[in-house]
Amino acid sequence: MDNLSNELQERISSLVNQKIIQQKDVLCVDDIAAMFCVSKDTAYDYIAGIRAVSDTLGMAGKVHRQDYEYWLKMRIGKSYNNKDERRGK
């Protein structure tokens, strides 16, 4: 039972962090790490991927929320495109 309550607390904390972060204009490595529940090293990789698509700020270790949202749309579009290719469309 303790394990379940700890998992529930972690999930709730993660959701609260995501909601707070979504209200920010600039996301730093700690924000990205909290959003995706990953290490800082992995978060830096995510930031590099986001900046490769769009880099409004030009600041190391930080991305603008709009750049993140654009990157997310690009990733979602790629997965849909891959599914269409498999179906022969």
C-alpha atoms as a PDB file:
ATOM      1  CA  MET A   1       0.000   0.000   0.000  1.00  0.00           C
ATOM      2  CA  ASP A   2       2.868   2.355   0.782  1.00  0.00           C
ATOM      3  CA  ASN A   3       4.316   1.766  -2.675  1.00  0.00           C
ATOM      4  CA  LEU A   4       1.005   2.678  -4.308  1.00  0.00           C
ATOM      5  CA  SER A   5       0.641   5.883  -2.301  1.00  0.00           C
ATOM      6  CA  ASN A   6       4.219   6.899  -3.156  1.00  0.00           C
ATOM      7  CA  GLU A   7       3.548   6.301  -6.848  1.00  0.00           C
ATOM      8  CA  LEU A   8       0.335   8.306  -6.609  1.00  0.00           C
ATOM      9  CA  GLN A   9       2.113  11.187  -4.861  1.00  0.00           C
ATOM     10  CA  GLU A  10       4.842  11.196  -7.514  1.00  0.00           C
ATOM     11  CA  ARG A  11       2.257  11.234 -10.319  1.00  0.00           C
ATOM     12  CA  ILE A  12       0.286  14.063  -8.710  1.00  0.00           C
ATOM     13  CA  SER A  13       3.487  16.029  -8.162  1.00  0.00           C
ATOM     14  CA  SER A  14       4.446  15.484 -11.793  1.00  0.00           C
ATOM     15  CA  LEU A  15       1.055  16.712 -13.023  1.00  0.00           C
ATOM     16  CA  VAL A  16       1.245  19.809 -10.814  1.00  0.00           C
ATOM     17  CA  ASN A  17       4.758  20.538 -12.106  1.00  0.00           C
ATOM     18  CA  GLN A  18       3.577  20.182 -15.698  1.00  0.00           C
ATOM     19  CA  LYS A  19       0.700  22.607 -15.111  1.00  0.00           C
ATOM     20  CA  ILE A  20       3.004  25.178 -13.517  1.00  0.00           C
ATOM     21  CA  ILE A  21       5.564  24.780 -16.285  1.00  0.00           C
ATOM     22  CA  GLN A  22       2.946  25.184 -19.014  1.00  0.00           C
ATOM     23  CA  GLN A  23       2.293  28.689 -17.709  1.00  0.00           C
ATOM     24  CA  LYS A  24       5.935  29.747 -18.185  1.00  0.00           C
ATOM     25  CA  ASP A  25       7.236  31.430 -21.332  1.00  0.00           C
ATOM     26  CA  VAL A  26      10.831  30.216 -20.945  1.00  0.00           C
ATOM     27  CA  LEU A  27      11.598  26.596 -20.073  1.00  0.00           C
ATOM     28  CA  CYS A  28      14.940  25.650 -18.527  1.00  0.00           C
ATOM     29  CA  VAL A  29      16.551  22.232 -18.209  1.00  0.00           C
ATOM     30  CA  ASP A  30      14.952  21.654 -14.795  1.00  0.00           C
ATOM     31  CA  ASP A  31      11.507  22.381 -16.249  1.00  0.00           C
ATOM     32  CA  ILE A  32      12.025  19.969 -19.137  1.00  0.00           C
ATOM     33  CA  ALA A  33      13.366  17.298 -16.750  1.00  0.00           C
ATOM     34  CA  ALA A  34      10.279  17.683 -14.547  1.00  0.00           C
ATOM     35  CA  MET A  35       7.873  17.646 -17.502  1.00  0.00           C
ATOM     36  CA  PHE A  36       9.209  14.404 -18.923  1.00  0.00           C
ATOM     37  CA  CYS A  37      10.367  12.843 -15.622  1.00  0.00           C
ATOM     38  CA  VAL A  38      13.900  12.412 -16.980  1.00  0.00           C
ATOM     39  CA  SER A  39      17.425  13.245 -15.831  1.00  0.00           C
ATOM     40  CA  LYS A  40      19.049  16.603 -16.568  1.00  0.00           C
ATOM     41  CA  ASP A  41      21.310  14.951 -19.141  1.00  0.00           C
ATOM     42  CA  THR A  42      18.288  13.662 -21.034  1.00  0.00           C
ATOM     43  CA  ALA A  43      16.571  17.040 -20.639  1.00  0.00           C
ATOM     44  CA  TYR A  44      19.569  18.704 -22.315  1.00  0.00           C
ATOM     45  CA  ASP A  45      19.127  16.263 -25.210  1.00  0.00           C
ATOM     46  CA  TYR A  46      15.461  17.277 -25.467  1.00  0.00           C
ATOM     47  CA  ILE A  47      16.464  20.952 -25.448  1.00  0.00           C
ATOM     48  CA  ALA A  48      18.968  20.310 -28.232  1.00  0.00           C
ATOM     49  CA  GLY A  49      16.213  18.642 -30.255  1.00  0.00           C
ATOM     50  CA  ILE A  50      13.840  21.546 -29.654  1.00  0.00           C
ATOM     51  CA  ARG A  51      16.477  24.108 -30.579  1.00  0.00           C
ATOM     52  CA  ALA A  52      17.272  22.183 -33.765  1.00  0.00           C
ATOM     53  CA  VAL A  53      13.680  22.808 -34.892  1.00  0.00           C
ATOM     54  CA  SER A  54      13.263  26.377 -33.597  1.00  0.00           C
ATOM     55  CA  ASP A  55      15.432  28.597 -31.388  1.00  0.00           C
ATOM     56  CA  THR A  56      13.739  31.897 -30.600  1.00  0.00           C
ATOM     57  CA  LEU A  57      15.855  32.701 -27.533  1.00  0.00           C
ATOM     58  CA  GLY A  58      19.311  31.594 -28.636  1.00  0.00           C
ATOM     59  CA  MET A  59      20.188  30.867 -24.986  1.00  0.00           C
ATOM     60  CA  ALA A  60      21.989  27.717 -23.911  1.00  0.00           C
ATOM     61  CA  GLY A  61      19.927  25.442 -21.686  1.00  0.00           C
ATOM     62  CA  LYS A  62      16.661  27.312 -22.268  1.00  0.00           C
ATOM     63  CA  VAL A  63      13.876  27.238 -24.828  1.00  0.00           C
ATOM     64  CA  HIS A  64      10.822  29.358 -25.424  1.00  0.00           C
ATOM     65  CA  ARG A  65       7.479  27.669 -24.823  1.00  0.00           C
ATOM     66  CA  GLN A  66       6.453  28.381 -28.434  1.00  0.00           C
ATOM     67  CA  ASP A  67       9.576  26.579 -29.675  1.00  0.00           C
ATOM     68  CA  TYR A  68       8.659  23.613 -27.453  1.00  0.00           C
ATOM     69  CA  GLU A  69       5.080  23.576 -28.754  1.00  0.00           C
ATOM     70  CA  TYR A  70       6.285  23.753 -32.367  1.00  0.00           C
ATOM     71  CA  TRP A  71       8.750  20.894 -31.728  1.00  0.00           C
ATOM     72  CA  LEU A  72       5.950  18.868 -30.163  1.00  0.00           C
ATOM     73  CA  LYS A  73       3.704  19.422 -33.190  1.00  0.00           C
ATOM     74  CA  MET A  74       6.552  18.370 -35.484  1.00  0.00           C
ATOM     75  CA  ARG A  75       7.067  15.156 -33.494  1.00  0.00           C
ATOM     76  CA  ILE A  76       3.362  14.348 -33.514  1.00  0.00           C
ATOM     77  CA  GLY A  77       3.222  15.019 -37.253  1.00  0.00           C
ATOM     78  CA  LYS A  78       6.147  12.692 -37.880  1.00  0.00           C
ATOM     79  CA  SER A  79       4.488   9.823 -36.053  1.00  0.00           C
ATOM     80  CA  TYR A  80       1.279  10.329 -38.040  1.00  0.00           C
ATOM     81  CA  ASN A  81       3.226  10.511 -41.296  1.00  0.00           C
ATOM     82  CA  ASN A  82       5.023   7.259 -40.482  1.00  0.00           C
ATOM     83  CA  LYS A  83       1.690   5.510 -39.866  1.00  0.00           C
ATOM     84  CA  ASP A  84       0.357   6.797 -43.186  1.00  0.00           C
ATOM     85  CA  GLU A  85       3.455   5.507 -44.999  1.00  0.00           C
ATOM     86  CA  ARG A  86       2.953   2.042 -43.516  1.00  0.00           C
ATOM     87  CA  ARG A  87      -0.646   2.055 -44.726  1.00  0.00           C
ATOM     88  CA  GLY A  88       0.458   2.959 -48.234  1.00  0.00           C
ATOM     89  CA  LYS A  89      -1.085   6.430 -48.284  1.00  0.00           C
END
